[in-house]
Amino acid sequence: MKAHWKSCLAAAGFALAASMPSAQAADKLFVYVSPDAIGVNAFLKMGQTGIETAGKKHGADVKTYESKTAAERLDNVNAAINEGASVVVVLGFEFNDIIAQVAPTAPDIDFLIVDQCIDNRPANVHCAVFREYEASYLMGVAAGMLTQSNKVGVVGALDIPFLHRYTDGYAQGVKSVKPDASVDVRWVGGENPFADPVRAKEQAVAMNAAGADYIYTATAGGDFGVFEAAKEKNFKVFSVDVNHCPDAPGLIVDQSLKHVDIALESAIDAIVAGQDSVFMALGIKEGGVGAVALDEGSVAASKCLIADHADVAAKMREVAATIADGSLKLQDPMFAK
């Protein structure tokens, strides 16, 4: 979308003055709509950081609209449209139907969905997604090297193709270093699988009772239930998205990190450059996903248990390098037959 940038002049007066690069109003407005209240949610904060960085880079004003309900998500997207936003950025699957509905009605506005995508996208809808299975593979490598029981586990929120990027990627990593290890896979399920710490905890407790001493959790809002189980039952965990180690000291080995800020900034760069229907899939090579162990200089301060296992961290970095340079080719479990 190349022609619409200057059409945002009228909206510039509504933009946040703190985001302006100079005393003059910017001719672009970037709006970030979060799926939930940001608060202390480090994952959602990364989206805010990314759009602020992109705004400074491209001389745009920046606004953030926080949502709490499905109705507020739609209202906030419409508010961004009404303010004449140049780019509206949303984070998560919660916005898929909303963007599919509103984007065709606002062809001069670019919509960026981060961490998800929709089918049959119009030219003004862009996506930045991640190769989560690459980082999950690294978690499996670590679990395979560390397990004493030769049994590890992974709890996913819901048995859907997307989440097999976590469960299957992890299992493949485990088997790469310990082929005879068993990997127990369980799902939260239920009415609220992405926000049910009680059910997530129950699955982790059962898995540990069956012998799993290292458990990977990809249960979104259920992760803290797994952390609680680990504390009570004395097993160790791997987590996702952001560094949770300071929140659960002594429990977490590492996590498959998802760098939303980098993905968001990269996609906006392409949008501003005039590309239609931008689609980016970011993995280890692009800096979209990773692990605490990969940043050798910050491992010691991470409060993650990987800091106590230099040999495991070194192996994870070695494997990550082979993924990045293409010598180790991983198939996307989401599309596995």
C-alpha atoms as a PDB file:
ATOM      1  CA  MET A   1       0.000   0.000   0.000  1.00  0.00           C
ATOM      2  CA  LYS A   2       1.958   2.966  -1.306  1.00  0.00           C
ATOM      3  CA  ALA A   3      -0.432   5.839  -1.769  1.00  0.00           C
ATOM      4  CA  HIS A   4      -2.180   6.163   1.548  1.00  0.00           C
ATOM      5  CA  TRP A   5       0.570   7.460   3.827  1.00  0.00           C
ATOM      6  CA  LYS A   6      -0.115  11.134   3.189  1.00  0.00           C
ATOM      7  CA  SER A   7      -3.836  10.645   3.769  1.00  0.00           C
ATOM      8  CA  CYS A   8      -3.138  10.362   7.485  1.00  0.00           C
ATOM      9  CA  LEU A   9      -2.341  14.057   7.950  1.00  0.00           C
ATOM     10  CA  ALA A  10      -5.764  14.717   9.377  1.00  0.00           C
ATOM     11  CA  ALA A  11      -5.321  12.021  11.997  1.00  0.00           C
ATOM     12  CA  ALA A  12      -1.954  13.215  13.183  1.00  0.00           C
ATOM     13  CA  GLY A  13      -3.472  15.672  15.608  1.00  0.00           C
ATOM     14  CA  PHE A  14      -4.895  12.791  17.610  1.00  0.00           C
ATOM     15  CA  ALA A  15      -1.576  10.988  17.971  1.00  0.00           C
ATOM     16  CA  LEU A  16       0.384  10.711  21.162  1.00  0.00           C
ATOM     17  CA  ALA A  17       2.724  13.664  21.457  1.00  0.00           C
ATOM     18  CA  ALA A  18       5.234  11.589  23.379  1.00  0.00           C
ATOM     19  CA  SER A  19       5.797   9.472  20.292  1.00  0.00           C
ATOM     20  CA  MET A  20       6.480  12.369  17.922  1.00  0.00           C
ATOM     21  CA  PRO A  21      10.035  12.619  16.630  1.00  0.00           C
ATOM     22  CA  SER A  22       9.827  16.410  16.446  1.00  0.00           C
ATOM     23  CA  ALA A  23       7.554  19.321  17.282  1.00  0.00           C
ATOM     24  CA  GLN A  24       5.700  18.863  13.985  1.00  0.00           C
ATOM     25  CA  ALA A  25       2.945  16.287  13.657  1.00  0.00           C
ATOM     26  CA  ALA A  26       3.900  13.117  11.838  1.00  0.00           C
ATOM     27  CA  ASP A  27       2.071  12.129   8.656  1.00  0.00           C
ATOM     28  CA  LYS A  28       1.831   8.482   9.744  1.00  0.00           C
ATOM     29  CA  LEU A  29       0.048   6.862  12.661  1.00  0.00           C
ATOM     30  CA  PHE A  30       0.831   3.336  13.834  1.00  0.00           C
ATOM     31  CA  VAL A  31      -1.724   1.781  16.203  1.00  0.00           C
ATOM     32  CA  TYR A  32      -1.115  -1.361  18.258  1.00  0.00           C
ATOM     33  CA  VAL A  33      -4.224  -3.172  19.501  1.00  0.00           C
ATOM     34  CA  SER A  34      -3.501  -5.756  22.186  1.00  0.00           C
ATOM     35  CA  PRO A  35      -5.787  -8.779  22.692  1.00  0.00           C
ATOM     36  CA  ASP A  36      -5.791  -8.305  26.465  1.00  0.00           C
ATOM     37  CA  ALA A  37      -4.676  -5.751  29.032  1.00  0.00           C
ATOM     38  CA  ILE A  38      -0.902  -5.406  28.782  1.00  0.00           C
ATOM     39  CA  GLY A  39      -0.123  -4.962  32.469  1.00  0.00           C
ATOM     40  CA  VAL A  40       2.867  -7.134  33.332  1.00  0.00           C
ATOM     41  CA  ASN A  41       2.367  -9.401  30.308  1.00  0.00           C
ATOM     42  CA  ALA A  42       5.866  -9.437  28.819  1.00  0.00           C
ATOM     43  CA  PHE A  43       4.646 -10.968  25.550  1.00  0.00           C
ATOM     44  CA  LEU A  44       2.191  -8.133  24.913  1.00  0.00           C
ATOM     45  CA  LYS A  45       4.775  -5.595  26.037  1.00  0.00           C
ATOM     46  CA  MET A  46       7.069  -6.781  23.246  1.00  0.00           C
ATOM     47  CA  GLY A  47       4.413  -5.773  20.750  1.00  0.00           C
ATOM     48  CA  GLN A  48       4.291  -2.319  22.269  1.00  0.00           C
ATOM     49  CA  THR A  49       8.081  -2.053  22.196  1.00  0.00           C
ATOM     50  CA  GLY A  50       8.161  -3.133  18.566  1.00  0.00           C
ATOM     51  CA  ILE A  51       5.638  -0.580  17.375  1.00  0.00           C
ATOM     52  CA  GLU A  52       7.331   2.210  19.320  1.00  0.00           C
ATOM     53  CA  THR A  53      10.660   1.321  17.704  1.00  0.00           C
ATOM     54  CA  ALA A  54       9.035   1.197  14.274  1.00  0.00           C
ATOM     55  CA  GLY A  55       7.358   4.536  14.907  1.00  0.00           C
ATOM     56  CA  LYS A  56      10.644   6.221  15.728  1.00  0.00           C
ATOM     57  CA  LYS A  57      12.322   4.667  12.697  1.00  0.00           C
ATOM     58  CA  HIS A  58       9.644   5.801  10.267  1.00  0.00           C
ATOM     59  CA  GLY A  59       8.668   9.120  11.837  1.00  0.00           C
ATOM     60  CA  ALA A  60       5.212   7.934  12.828  1.00  0.00           C
ATOM     61  CA  ASP A  61       3.065   8.736  15.803  1.00  0.00           C
ATOM     62  CA  VAL A  62       2.173   5.676  17.867  1.00  0.00           C
ATOM     63  CA  LYS A  63      -0.862   4.697  19.900  1.00  0.00           C
ATOM     64  CA  THR A  64      -1.671   1.581  21.895  1.00  0.00           C
ATOM     65  CA  TYR A  65      -5.223   0.391  22.522  1.00  0.00           C
ATOM     66  CA  GLU A  66      -5.588  -2.289  25.177  1.00  0.00           C
ATOM     67  CA  SER A  67      -8.508  -4.703  24.954  1.00  0.00           C
ATOM     68  CA  LYS A  68     -10.162  -6.827  27.601  1.00  0.00           C
ATOM     69  CA  THR A  69     -13.023  -8.460  25.711  1.00  0.00           C
ATOM     70  CA  ALA A  70     -13.863  -9.574  22.182  1.00  0.00           C
ATOM     71  CA  ALA A  71     -16.163  -6.573  21.829  1.00  0.00           C
ATOM     72  CA  GLU A  72     -13.375  -4.211  22.876  1.00  0.00           C
ATOM     73  CA  ARG A  73     -11.007  -5.750  20.332  1.00  0.00           C
ATOM     74  CA  LEU A  74     -13.422  -4.931  17.520  1.00  0.00           C
ATOM     75  CA  ASP A  75     -14.137  -1.482  18.954  1.00  0.00           C
ATOM     76  CA  ASN A  76     -10.420  -0.714  19.226  1.00  0.00           C
ATOM     77  CA  VAL A  77      -9.686  -1.793  15.664  1.00  0.00           C
ATOM     78  CA  ASN A  78     -12.559   0.379  14.444  1.00  0.00           C
ATOM     79  CA  ALA A  79     -11.294   3.281  16.559  1.00  0.00           C
ATOM     80  CA  ALA A  80      -7.885   2.971  14.906  1.00  0.00           C
ATOM     81  CA  ILE A  81      -9.545   3.035  11.493  1.00  0.00           C
ATOM     82  CA  ASN A  82     -11.600   6.087  12.407  1.00  0.00           C
ATOM     83  CA  GLU A  83      -8.485   7.933  13.551  1.00  0.00           C
ATOM     84  CA  GLY A  84      -6.918   7.416  10.135  1.00  0.00           C
ATOM     85  CA  ALA A  85      -4.188   5.002  11.171  1.00  0.00           C
ATOM     86  CA  SER A  86      -1.588   4.188   8.550  1.00  0.00           C
ATOM     87  CA  VAL A  87      -0.876   0.759  10.031  1.00  0.00           C
ATOM     88  CA  VAL A  88      -2.978  -1.155  12.541  1.00  0.00           C
ATOM     89  CA  VAL A  89      -1.046  -3.916  14.306  1.00  0.00           C
ATOM     90  CA  VAL A  90      -2.817  -6.720  16.158  1.00  0.00           C
ATOM     91  CA  LEU A  91      -1.305  -9.623  18.062  1.00  0.00           C
ATOM     92  CA  GLY A  92      -2.781 -13.095  18.228  1.00  0.00           C
ATOM     93  CA  PHE A  93      -5.485 -15.364  16.834  1.00  0.00           C
ATOM     94  CA  GLU A  94      -8.188 -13.380  18.626  1.00  0.00           C
ATOM     95  CA  PHE A  95      -8.133 -10.848  15.788  1.00  0.00           C
ATOM     96  CA  ASN A  96      -8.345 -13.198  12.802  1.00  0.00           C
ATOM     97  CA  ASP A  97     -12.087 -12.854  12.251  1.00  0.00           C
ATOM     98  CA  ILE A  98     -12.032  -9.141  13.060  1.00  0.00           C
ATOM     99  CA  ILE A  99      -9.373  -8.317  10.479  1.00  0.00           C
ATOM    100  CA  ALA A 100     -11.049 -10.514   7.866  1.00  0.00           C
ATOM    101  CA  GLN A 101     -14.223  -8.523   8.475  1.00  0.00           C
ATOM    102  CA  VAL A 102     -12.923  -4.948   8.594  1.00  0.00           C
ATOM    103  CA  ALA A 103      -9.874  -4.885   6.297  1.00  0.00           C
ATOM    104  CA  PRO A 104     -11.872  -4.953   3.039  1.00  0.00           C
ATOM    105  CA  THR A 105     -13.847  -1.928   4.249  1.00  0.00           C
ATOM    106  CA  ALA A 106     -10.664   0.121   4.820  1.00  0.00           C
ATOM    107  CA  PRO A 107      -8.450  -0.557   1.774  1.00  0.00           C
ATOM    108  CA  ASP A 108      -6.214   2.476   2.414  1.00  0.00           C
ATOM    109  CA  ILE A 109      -5.131   1.182   5.826  1.00  0.00           C
ATOM    110  CA  ASP A 110      -2.559  -1.569   6.291  1.00  0.00           C
ATOM    111  CA  PHE A 111      -3.347  -4.262   8.850  1.00  0.00           C
ATOM    112  CA  LEU A 112      -0.553  -6.371  10.323  1.00  0.00           C
ATOM    113  CA  ILE A 113      -1.386  -9.574  12.182  1.00  0.00           C
ATOM    114  CA  VAL A 114       1.506 -10.807  14.318  1.00  0.00           C
ATOM    115  CA  ASP A 115       1.735 -14.452  15.422  1.00  0.00           C
ATOM    116  CA  GLN A 116      -1.170 -15.489  13.187  1.00  0.00           C
ATOM    117  CA  CYS A 117      -2.437 -15.153   9.629  1.00  0.00           C
ATOM    118  CA  ILE A 118      -5.701 -15.487   7.728  1.00  0.00           C
ATOM    119  CA  ASP A 119      -6.611 -17.114   4.437  1.00  0.00           C
ATOM    120  CA  ASN A 120      -7.578 -15.171   1.319  1.00  0.00           C
ATOM    121  CA  ARG A 121      -5.908 -11.980   2.481  1.00  0.00           C
ATOM    122  CA  PRO A 122      -6.579  -8.730   0.632  1.00  0.00           C
ATOM    123  CA  ALA A 123      -3.519  -6.701  -0.360  1.00  0.00           C
ATOM    124  CA  ASN A 124      -3.742  -4.536   2.771  1.00  0.00           C
ATOM    125  CA  VAL A 125      -3.490  -7.441   5.235  1.00  0.00           C
ATOM    126  CA  HIS A 126       0.000  -8.545   6.233  1.00  0.00           C
ATOM    127  CA  CYS A 127       1.273 -11.307   8.503  1.00  0.00           C
ATOM    128  CA  ALA A 128       4.359 -11.973  10.595  1.00  0.00           C
ATOM    129  CA  VAL A 129       4.484 -15.492  11.991  1.00  0.00           C
ATOM    130  CA  PHE A 130       7.121 -17.661  13.623  1.00  0.00           C
ATOM    131  CA  ARG A 131       8.766 -21.032  13.146  1.00  0.00           C
ATOM    132  CA  GLU A 132       8.104 -22.049  16.734  1.00  0.00           C
ATOM    133  CA  TYR A 133       9.177 -25.624  16.093  1.00  0.00           C
ATOM    134  CA  GLU A 134      12.804 -24.538  15.713  1.00  0.00           C
ATOM    135  CA  ALA A 135      13.013 -23.147  19.243  1.00  0.00           C
ATOM    136  CA  SER A 136      10.929 -26.046  20.571  1.00  0.00           C
ATOM    137  CA  TYR A 137      13.460 -28.426  19.038  1.00  0.00           C
ATOM    138  CA  LEU A 138      16.163 -26.732  21.115  1.00  0.00           C
ATOM    139  CA  MET A 139      14.092 -27.234  24.278  1.00  0.00           C
ATOM    140  CA  GLY A 140      13.915 -30.917  23.394  1.00  0.00           C
ATOM    141  CA  VAL A 141      17.672 -31.118  22.898  1.00  0.00           C
ATOM    142  CA  ALA A 142      18.163 -29.721  26.398  1.00  0.00           C
ATOM    143  CA  ALA A 143      15.546 -32.015  27.940  1.00  0.00           C
ATOM    144  CA  GLY A 144      17.073 -35.054  26.255  1.00  0.00           C
ATOM    145  CA  MET A 145      20.502 -34.198  27.604  1.00  0.00           C
ATOM    146  CA  LEU A 146      19.286 -33.475  31.128  1.00  0.00           C
ATOM    147  CA  THR A 147      16.700 -36.172  31.850  1.00  0.00           C
ATOM    148  CA  GLN A 148      17.655 -38.716  34.480  1.00  0.00           C
ATOM    149  CA  SER A 149      14.520 -40.822  34.154  1.00  0.00           C
ATOM    150  CA  ASN A 150      14.691 -41.116  30.369  1.00  0.00           C
ATOM    151  CA  LYS A 151      11.110 -39.836  30.371  1.00  0.00           C
ATOM    152  CA  VAL A 152      10.142 -36.267  29.533  1.00  0.00           C
ATOM    153  CA  GLY A 153       6.858 -34.574  28.764  1.00  0.00           C
ATOM    154  CA  VAL A 154       5.100 -31.692  27.085  1.00  0.00           C
ATOM    155  CA  VAL A 155       1.736 -30.134  27.885  1.00  0.00           C
ATOM    156  CA  GLY A 156      -0.071 -28.279  25.103  1.00  0.00           C
ATOM    157  CA  ALA A 157      -3.194 -26.191  25.405  1.00  0.00           C
ATOM    158  CA  LEU A 158      -5.234 -27.866  22.663  1.00  0.00           C
ATOM    159  CA  ASP A 159      -4.628 -30.645  20.147  1.00  0.00           C
ATOM    160  CA  ILE A 160      -4.626 -28.512  17.002  1.00  0.00           C
ATOM    161  CA  PRO A 161      -2.084 -28.487  14.135  1.00  0.00           C
ATOM    162  CA  PHE A 162      -0.519 -25.184  15.185  1.00  0.00           C
ATOM    163  CA  LEU A 163       0.397 -26.399  18.673  1.00  0.00           C
ATOM    164  CA  HIS A 164       2.122 -29.459  17.247  1.00  0.00           C
ATOM    165  CA  ARG A 165       4.868 -27.001  16.360  1.00  0.00           C
ATOM    166  CA  TYR A 166       5.612 -27.051  20.089  1.00  0.00           C
ATOM    167  CA  THR A 167       4.868 -30.650  21.029  1.00  0.00           C
ATOM    168  CA  ASP A 168       6.325 -32.355  17.959  1.00  0.00           C
ATOM    169  CA  GLY A 169       9.268 -29.975  17.660  1.00  0.00           C
ATOM    170  CA  TYR A 170      10.159 -30.698  21.280  1.00  0.00           C
ATOM    171  CA  ALA A 171       9.820 -34.459  20.821  1.00  0.00           C
ATOM    172  CA  GLN A 172      12.058 -34.380  17.753  1.00  0.00           C
ATOM    173  CA  GLY A 173      14.709 -32.479  19.683  1.00  0.00           C
ATOM    174  CA  VAL A 174      14.602 -34.985  22.529  1.00  0.00           C
ATOM    175  CA  LYS A 175      14.975 -37.929  20.147  1.00  0.00           C
ATOM    176  CA  SER A 176      17.887 -36.268  18.349  1.00  0.00           C
ATOM    177  CA  VAL A 177      20.097 -36.591  21.422  1.00  0.00           C
ATOM    178  CA  LYS A 178      18.426 -39.500  23.236  1.00  0.00           C
ATOM    179  CA  PRO A 179      16.623 -41.773  20.763  1.00  0.00           C
ATOM    180  CA  ASP A 180      15.437 -44.198  23.446  1.00  0.00           C
ATOM    181  CA  ALA A 181      13.795 -41.521  25.616  1.00  0.00           C
ATOM    182  CA  SER A 182      10.001 -41.495  25.855  1.00  0.00           C
ATOM    183  CA  VAL A 183       8.056 -38.257  25.351  1.00  0.00           C
ATOM    184  CA  ASP A 184       4.653 -37.998  27.024  1.00  0.00           C
ATOM    185  CA  VAL A 185       2.315 -35.542  25.248  1.00  0.00           C
ATOM    186  CA  ARG A 186      -0.832 -34.309  26.978  1.00  0.00           C
ATOM    187  CA  TRP A 187      -3.365 -31.555  26.338  1.00  0.00           C
ATOM    188  CA  VAL A 188      -5.249 -29.167  28.603  1.00  0.00           C
ATOM    189  CA  GLY A 189      -8.437 -29.188  26.532  1.00  0.00           C
ATOM    190  CA  GLY A 190     -11.706 -28.306  28.240  1.00  0.00           C
ATOM    191  CA  GLU A 191     -13.760 -25.163  27.788  1.00  0.00           C
ATOM    192  CA  ASN A 192     -10.879 -22.707  28.194  1.00  0.00           C
ATOM    193  CA  PRO A 193      -7.703 -24.533  27.126  1.00  0.00           C
ATOM    194  CA  PHE A 194      -5.548 -21.405  26.738  1.00  0.00           C
ATOM    195  CA  ALA A 195      -6.314 -20.005  30.190  1.00  0.00           C
ATOM    196  CA  ASP A 196      -6.777 -22.935  32.547  1.00  0.00           C
ATOM    197  CA  PRO A 197      -3.880 -23.248  35.016  1.00  0.00           C
ATOM    198  CA  VAL A 198      -5.796 -25.822  37.065  1.00  0.00           C
ATOM    199  CA  ARG A 199      -6.138 -28.310  34.211  1.00  0.00           C
ATOM    200  CA  ALA A 200      -2.598 -27.565  33.005  1.00  0.00           C
ATOM    201  CA  LYS A 201      -1.290 -28.318  36.483  1.00  0.00           C
ATOM    202  CA  GLU A 202      -3.255 -31.575  36.621  1.00  0.00           C
ATOM    203  CA  GLN A 203      -1.737 -32.755  33.350  1.00  0.00           C
ATOM    204  CA  ALA A 204       1.776 -31.898  34.508  1.00  0.00           C
ATOM    205  CA  VAL A 205       1.305 -33.653  37.856  1.00  0.00           C
ATOM    206  CA  ALA A 206       0.037 -36.786  36.112  1.00  0.00           C
ATOM    207  CA  MET A 207       2.910 -36.695  33.657  1.00  0.00           C
ATOM    208  CA  ASN A 208       5.454 -36.361  36.446  1.00  0.00           C
ATOM    209  CA  ALA A 209       3.806 -39.220  38.350  1.00  0.00           C
ATOM    210  CA  ALA A 210       4.373 -41.342  35.236  1.00  0.00           C
ATOM    211  CA  GLY A 211       8.088 -40.560  35.379  1.00  0.00           C
ATOM    212  CA  ALA A 212       8.670 -37.353  33.399  1.00  0.00           C
ATOM    213  CA  ASP A 213      11.333 -35.264  35.119  1.00  0.00           C
ATOM    214  CA  TYR A 214      11.496 -32.431  32.536  1.00  0.00           C
ATOM    215  CA  ILE A 215       8.256 -30.982  31.173  1.00  0.00           C
ATOM    216  CA  TYR A 216       7.737 -28.389  28.443  1.00  0.00           C
ATOM    217  CA  THR A 217       4.625 -26.230  28.823  1.00  0.00           C
ATOM    218  CA  ALA A 218       2.882 -24.537  25.908  1.00  0.00           C
ATOM    219  CA  THR A 219      -0.390 -23.752  27.617  1.00  0.00           C
ATOM    220  CA  ALA A 220      -0.543 -19.936  27.448  1.00  0.00           C
ATOM    221  CA  GLY A 221      -2.391 -18.854  30.595  1.00  0.00           C
ATOM    222  CA  GLY A 222      -1.959 -22.338  32.021  1.00  0.00           C
ATOM    223  CA  ASP A 223       1.822 -22.117  32.251  1.00  0.00           C
ATOM    224  CA  PHE A 224       1.801 -20.874  35.818  1.00  0.00           C
ATOM    225  CA  GLY A 225      -0.183 -23.950  36.820  1.00  0.00           C
ATOM    226  CA  VAL A 226       2.641 -26.082  35.455  1.00  0.00           C
ATOM    227  CA  PHE A 227       5.180 -23.954  37.331  1.00  0.00           C
ATOM    228  CA  GLU A 228       3.191 -24.537  40.516  1.00  0.00           C
ATOM    229  CA  ALA A 229       3.192 -28.277  39.900  1.00  0.00           C
ATOM    230  CA  ALA A 230       6.952 -28.221  39.316  1.00  0.00           C
ATOM    231  CA  LYS A 231       7.505 -26.486  42.637  1.00  0.00           C
ATOM    232  CA  GLU A 232       5.314 -28.954  44.509  1.00  0.00           C
ATOM    233  CA  LYS A 233       6.561 -32.120  42.800  1.00  0.00           C
ATOM    234  CA  ASN A 234      10.206 -31.156  42.289  1.00  0.00           C
ATOM    235  CA  PHE A 235      10.522 -31.478  38.514  1.00  0.00           C
ATOM    236  CA  LYS A 236      11.900 -28.933  36.035  1.00  0.00           C
ATOM    237  CA  VAL A 237      10.184 -27.161  33.177  1.00  0.00           C
ATOM    238  CA  PHE A 238      10.691 -25.406  29.872  1.00  0.00           C
ATOM    239  CA  SER A 239       8.386 -22.552  28.930  1.00  0.00           C
ATOM    240  CA  VAL A 240       7.533 -20.396  25.908  1.00  0.00           C
ATOM    241  CA  ASP A 241       7.511 -16.884  24.437  1.00  0.00           C
ATOM    242  CA  VAL A 242       9.343 -14.825  27.083  1.00  0.00           C
ATOM    243  CA  ASN A 243      11.791 -15.385  29.937  1.00  0.00           C
ATOM    244  CA  HIS A 244       9.675 -16.569  32.873  1.00  0.00           C
ATOM    245  CA  CYS A 245      12.685 -17.631  34.954  1.00  0.00           C
ATOM    246  CA  PRO A 246      12.551 -14.612  37.295  1.00  0.00           C
ATOM    247  CA  ASP A 247       8.880 -15.449  37.990  1.00  0.00           C
ATOM    248  CA  ALA A 248       9.609 -19.066  38.904  1.00  0.00           C
ATOM    249  CA  PRO A 249      13.139 -19.197  40.344  1.00  0.00           C
ATOM    250  CA  GLY A 250      14.816 -22.573  40.418  1.00  0.00           C
ATOM    251  CA  LEU A 251      12.195 -24.249  38.224  1.00  0.00           C
ATOM    252  CA  ILE A 252      12.731 -23.274  34.587  1.00  0.00           C
ATOM    253  CA  VAL A 253      15.617 -24.527  32.472  1.00  0.00           C
ATOM    254  CA  ASP A 254      15.004 -22.358  29.403  1.00  0.00           C
ATOM    255  CA  GLN A 255      12.212 -21.192  27.124  1.00  0.00           C
ATOM    256  CA  SER A 256      11.476 -21.067  23.429  1.00  0.00           C
ATOM    257  CA  LEU A 257      11.533 -17.320  22.964  1.00  0.00           C
ATOM    258  CA  LYS A 258       9.378 -15.520  20.425  1.00  0.00           C
ATOM    259  CA  HIS A 259      10.687 -12.060  19.505  1.00  0.00           C
ATOM    260  CA  VAL A 260       7.461 -10.251  18.676  1.00  0.00           C
ATOM    261  CA  ASP A 261       9.194  -6.871  18.672  1.00  0.00           C
ATOM    262  CA  ILE A 262      11.640  -7.918  15.946  1.00  0.00           C
ATOM    263  CA  ALA A 263       8.901  -9.477  13.816  1.00  0.00           C
ATOM    264  CA  LEU A 264       6.667  -6.443  14.125  1.00  0.00           C
ATOM    265  CA  GLU A 265       9.407  -3.993  13.227  1.00  0.00           C
ATOM    266  CA  SER A 266      10.577  -6.064  10.242  1.00  0.00           C
ATOM    267  CA  ALA A 267       7.057  -6.376   8.856  1.00  0.00           C
ATOM    268  CA  ILE A 268       6.356  -2.657   9.213  1.00  0.00           C
ATOM    269  CA  ASP A 269       9.607  -1.927   7.369  1.00  0.00           C
ATOM    270  CA  ALA A 270       8.283  -3.963   4.433  1.00  0.00           C
ATOM    271  CA  ILE A 271       4.852  -2.336   4.588  1.00  0.00           C
ATOM    272  CA  VAL A 272       6.301   1.176   4.600  1.00  0.00           C
ATOM    273  CA  ALA A 273       8.495   0.169   1.655  1.00  0.00           C
ATOM    274  CA  GLY A 274       5.282  -0.401  -0.288  1.00  0.00           C
ATOM    275  CA  GLN A 275       4.953  -4.176  -0.319  1.00  0.00           C
ATOM    276  CA  ASP A 276       1.453  -5.613  -0.605  1.00  0.00           C
ATOM    277  CA  SER A 277       0.353  -8.740   1.263  1.00  0.00           C
ATOM    278  CA  VAL A 278       3.559  -8.992   3.287  1.00  0.00           C
ATOM    279  CA  PHE A 279       4.100 -12.446   4.746  1.00  0.00           C
ATOM    280  CA  MET A 280       7.080 -13.158   6.977  1.00  0.00           C
ATOM    281  CA  ALA A 281       7.919 -16.414   8.727  1.00  0.00           C
ATOM    282  CA  LEU A 282      10.704 -15.783  11.209  1.00  0.00           C
ATOM    283  CA  GLY A 283      12.845 -18.470  12.769  1.00  0.00           C
ATOM    284  CA  ILE A 284      16.256 -18.714  14.385  1.00  0.00           C
ATOM    285  CA  LYS A 285      18.028 -17.380  11.292  1.00  0.00           C
ATOM    286  CA  GLU A 286      15.961 -14.184  11.245  1.00  0.00           C
ATOM    287  CA  GLY A 287      16.044 -13.672  15.013  1.00  0.00           C
ATOM    288  CA  GLY A 288      12.321 -14.320  15.314  1.00  0.00           C
ATOM    289  CA  VAL A 289      12.642 -17.238  17.728  1.00  0.00           C
ATOM    290  CA  GLY A 290      15.385 -18.378  20.042  1.00  0.00           C
ATOM    291  CA  ALA A 291      16.290 -19.449  23.549  1.00  0.00           C
ATOM    292  CA  VAL A 292      17.964 -17.919  26.570  1.00  0.00           C
ATOM    293  CA  ALA A 293      20.933 -20.219  25.971  1.00  0.00           C
ATOM    294  CA  LEU A 294      21.612 -18.658  22.572  1.00  0.00           C
ATOM    295  CA  ASP A 295      22.531 -15.294  24.078  1.00  0.00           C
ATOM    296  CA  GLU A 296      25.736 -16.399  25.735  1.00  0.00           C
ATOM    297  CA  GLY A 297      26.396 -13.002  27.260  1.00  0.00           C
ATOM    298  CA  SER A 298      23.130 -12.852  29.205  1.00  0.00           C
ATOM    299  CA  VAL A 299      22.668 -16.455  30.323  1.00  0.00           C
ATOM    300  CA  ALA A 300      24.235 -15.900  33.736  1.00  0.00           C
ATOM    301  CA  ALA A 301      21.845 -13.051  34.561  1.00  0.00           C
ATOM    302  CA  SER A 302      18.758 -14.794  33.173  1.00  0.00           C
ATOM    303  CA  LYS A 303      17.904 -16.675  36.391  1.00  0.00           C
ATOM    304  CA  CYS A 304      17.312 -19.746  34.211  1.00  0.00           C
ATOM    305  CA  LEU A 305      18.732 -23.122  35.177  1.00  0.00           C
ATOM    306  CA  ILE A 306      20.455 -23.397  31.816  1.00  0.00           C
ATOM    307  CA  ALA A 307      23.112 -21.131  33.339  1.00  0.00           C
ATOM    308  CA  ASP A 308      24.198 -24.122  35.443  1.00  0.00           C
ATOM    309  CA  HIS A 309      24.610 -26.400  32.422  1.00  0.00           C
ATOM    310  CA  ALA A 310      27.270 -24.917  30.160  1.00  0.00           C
ATOM    311  CA  ASP A 311      27.578 -28.125  28.143  1.00  0.00           C
ATOM    312  CA  VAL A 312      23.863 -28.183  27.368  1.00  0.00           C
ATOM    313  CA  ALA A 313      23.833 -24.498  26.452  1.00  0.00           C
ATOM    314  CA  ALA A 314      26.803 -25.043  24.145  1.00  0.00           C
ATOM    315  CA  LYS A 315      25.010 -27.924  22.429  1.00  0.00           C
ATOM    316  CA  MET A 316      21.891 -25.787  21.981  1.00  0.00           C
ATOM    317  CA  ARG A 317      23.963 -23.054  20.342  1.00  0.00           C
ATOM    318  CA  GLU A 318      25.626 -25.616  18.096  1.00  0.00           C
ATOM    319  CA  VAL A 319      22.274 -27.032  16.980  1.00  0.00           C
ATOM    320  CA  ALA A 320      20.804 -23.555  16.511  1.00  0.00           C
ATOM    321  CA  ALA A 321      23.675 -22.683  14.180  1.00  0.00           C
ATOM    322  CA  THR A 322      22.932 -25.719  12.017  1.00  0.00           C
ATOM    323  CA  ILE A 323      19.265 -24.757  11.835  1.00  0.00           C
ATOM    324  CA  ALA A 324      20.147 -21.188  10.894  1.00  0.00           C
ATOM    325  CA  ASP A 325      22.578 -22.166   8.135  1.00  0.00           C
ATOM    326  CA  GLY A 326      20.241 -24.797   6.735  1.00  0.00           C
ATOM    327  CA  SER A 327      22.433 -27.831   7.326  1.00  0.00           C
ATOM    328  CA  LEU A 328      19.782 -29.158   9.731  1.00  0.00           C
ATOM    329  CA  LYS A 329      16.417 -29.019   7.999  1.00  0.00           C
ATOM    330  CA  LEU A 330      13.340 -29.317  10.184  1.00  0.00           C
ATOM    331  CA  GLN A 331       9.882 -29.959   8.792  1.00  0.00           C
ATOM    332  CA  ASP A 332       7.002 -27.839  10.031  1.00  0.00           C
ATOM    333  CA  PRO A 333       4.835 -30.180  12.159  1.00  0.00           C
ATOM    334  CA  MET A 334       1.807 -27.994  11.465  1.00  0.00           C
ATOM    335  CA  PHE A 335       1.764 -29.302   7.897  1.00  0.00           C
ATOM    336  CA  ALA A 336       3.038 -32.817   8.552  1.00  0.00           C
ATOM    337  CA  LYS A 337       1.002 -35.607   7.012  1.00  0.00           C
END
